[in-house]
Protein backbone atom coordinates (compact mmCIF):
# COMPACT_ATOMS: atom_id res chain seq x y z
CA MET A 1 36.78 48.12 43.15
CA PRO A 2 39.32 46.82 45.69
CA ASP A 3 42.22 44.65 44.55
CA SER A 4 42.82 41.11 45.76
CA ASP A 5 45.53 40.51 48.36
CA LEU A 6 47.67 38.89 45.65
CA VAL A 7 47.43 41.98 43.43
CA GLN A 8 48.24 44.23 46.41
CA ILE A 9 51.38 42.16 47.04
CA CYS A 10 52.37 42.49 43.37
CA ASP A 11 51.85 46.26 43.51
CA ALA A 12 53.91 46.51 46.70
CA LEU A 13 56.64 44.38 45.12
CA VAL A 14 56.80 46.67 42.06
CA THR A 15 57.11 49.70 44.36
CA HIS A 16 59.81 47.95 46.43
CA LEU A 17 61.85 46.94 43.38
CA ALA A 18 61.56 50.37 41.75
CA ALA A 19 63.20 51.87 44.86
CA GLN A 20 66.21 49.54 44.72
CA SER A 21 69.66 50.67 43.60
CA LEU A 22 71.23 47.62 41.98
CA SER A 23 74.12 46.91 39.60
CA LYS A 24 71.96 47.44 36.48
CA THR A 25 69.50 50.15 35.55
CA PHE A 26 66.10 48.57 34.97
CA THR A 27 62.41 49.23 34.55
CA VAL A 28 59.82 47.30 36.56
CA GLU A 29 56.10 46.83 35.99
CA LYS A 30 53.23 44.58 36.99
CA ASP A 31 52.05 42.52 34.04
CA TYR A 32 49.03 40.21 34.01
CA LEU A 33 49.80 38.78 30.56
CA PRO A 34 53.57 38.54 30.20
CA ASP A 35 54.59 38.18 26.56
CA PHE A 36 58.34 38.05 26.36
CA GLU A 37 58.58 38.02 22.55
CA ARG A 38 56.58 41.18 21.94
CA GLU A 39 59.39 43.60 21.11
CA GLN A 40 63.09 43.94 20.57
CA LEU A 41 64.62 44.19 24.03
CA GLN A 42 66.78 47.30 24.46
CA SER A 43 67.43 47.39 28.23
CA THR A 44 66.92 45.35 31.39
CA GLN A 45 63.25 44.85 32.17
CA VAL A 46 61.63 43.33 35.24
CA SER A 47 58.03 42.11 35.14
CA VAL A 48 56.01 41.09 38.19
CA TYR A 49 52.95 38.91 37.83
CA PRO A 50 50.74 36.90 40.19
CA GLN A 51 51.05 33.13 40.00
CA SER A 52 48.95 31.51 42.73
CA THR A 53 47.30 31.58 46.13
CA SER A 54 46.88 28.65 48.48
CA ILE A 55 45.01 28.50 51.76
CA ALA A 56 45.22 26.25 54.80
CA PHE A 57 43.91 26.41 58.34
CA ALA A 58 46.30 28.12 60.74
CA SER A 59 44.04 27.76 63.77
CA ARG A 60 40.38 27.42 64.56
CA THR A 61 39.85 31.10 63.75
CA THR A 62 42.57 32.00 61.24
CA ASP A 63 43.74 30.92 57.82
CA GLN A 64 47.25 30.72 56.42
CA LEU A 65 47.45 32.12 52.90
CA VAL A 66 50.52 31.56 50.73
CA TYR A 67 50.88 33.88 47.74
CA THR A 68 53.25 33.11 44.89
CA VAL A 69 54.54 35.87 42.63
CA ASN A 70 56.82 35.57 39.62
CA VAL A 71 59.51 38.17 38.97
CA VAL A 72 60.84 37.93 35.41
CA ILE A 73 64.17 39.50 34.50
CA ARG A 74 65.03 40.09 30.84
CA SER A 75 68.21 41.67 29.61
CA PRO A 76 69.86 41.95 26.17
CA VAL A 77 73.15 40.09 25.78
CA ALA A 78 75.80 40.67 23.12
CA ALA A 79 75.74 37.94 20.47
CA SER A 80 78.59 35.49 21.01
CA ALA A 81 79.39 31.80 20.73
CA ASN A 82 79.95 31.90 24.51
CA PRO A 83 78.06 34.93 25.89
CA ASP A 84 79.17 36.44 29.19
CA ILE A 85 76.09 36.55 31.44
CA GLY A 86 77.95 36.96 34.72
CA GLY A 87 76.61 40.49 35.18
CA GLU A 88 73.04 39.36 34.53
CA LEU A 89 73.34 36.48 37.00
CA TYR A 90 74.72 38.89 39.60
CA PHE A 91 71.84 41.32 38.99
CA ALA A 92 69.34 38.47 39.44
CA GLN A 93 71.05 37.55 42.72
CA GLU A 94 70.92 41.19 43.91
CA LEU A 95 67.26 41.47 43.03
CA ARG A 96 66.43 38.18 44.78
CA ASP A 97 68.44 39.24 47.84
CA SER A 98 66.53 42.53 47.98
CA LEU A 99 63.33 40.54 48.61
CA GLU A 100 64.61 38.76 51.72
CA ARG A 101 62.73 39.49 54.94
CA VAL A 102 60.71 42.30 53.33
CA ASN A 103 57.02 42.40 54.26
CA LEU A 104 54.73 43.49 51.44
CA SER A 105 51.19 44.64 52.00
CA SER A 106 50.27 42.48 55.00
CA ALA A 107 52.27 39.43 53.92
CA SER A 108 55.73 38.22 54.98
CA PHE A 109 58.41 36.97 52.61
CA THR A 110 59.02 33.24 53.10
CA GLY A 111 61.37 32.34 50.26
CA ALA A 112 62.40 32.59 46.63
CA GLN A 113 63.51 30.15 43.98
CA THR A 114 65.14 30.53 40.57
CA GLU A 115 65.08 27.34 38.52
CA PRO A 116 66.69 27.17 36.07
CA ALA A 117 69.17 29.99 36.64
CA TYR A 118 68.39 31.26 33.10
CA ASP A 119 66.63 30.11 29.93
CA LEU A 120 69.15 28.56 27.53
CA GLU A 121 66.86 28.67 24.51
CA THR A 122 66.15 32.40 24.85
CA LEU A 123 69.84 33.16 25.31
CA ASN A 124 70.80 31.06 22.28
CA GLU A 125 68.04 32.13 19.89
CA ARG A 126 67.43 35.78 20.83
CA ASN A 127 70.57 36.87 22.71
CA GLU A 128 68.46 37.65 25.76
CA PHE A 129 69.05 36.70 29.35
CA LEU A 130 65.76 35.49 30.85
CA THR A 131 65.18 34.22 34.37
CA VAL A 132 62.16 33.84 36.63
CA ILE A 133 62.36 34.32 40.37
CA THR A 134 59.40 32.74 42.14
CA ALA A 135 58.81 34.48 45.49
CA THR A 136 56.38 33.35 48.17
CA TYR A 137 54.65 35.42 50.82
CA LEU A 138 52.67 34.31 53.86
CA GLN A 139 49.67 36.03 55.39
CA ILE A 140 47.65 34.93 58.41
CA LYS A 141 44.03 36.12 58.31
């Protein structure tokens, strides 16, 4: 059975990220049901999952499809009253920058957003850095 365009973009994004050489060693996988409390985090993990698809008319004969994909970064952080997450924030920036102007499947990168920069509750309660990069891709069909 063929995959949807959104799933193909997620697969291409996983392949793209796995080929990157960034400041941290990490594993990357596509995940349809992200559960970020399922195990004790030992190393930096990146999860890619589809978020949404929207469609609008581009012309009388073509449609404009916007695909949204979430890229979740999780990394263990040493317990501290004031943890140093500078390295994690830099890694998130590197990963986000690696997405710029990269076409995946038959879709073009249009932007990315990280808001908030990291999850305070997860950092405080579990000593884990957690951030979500929301990337959008455009396809004209």
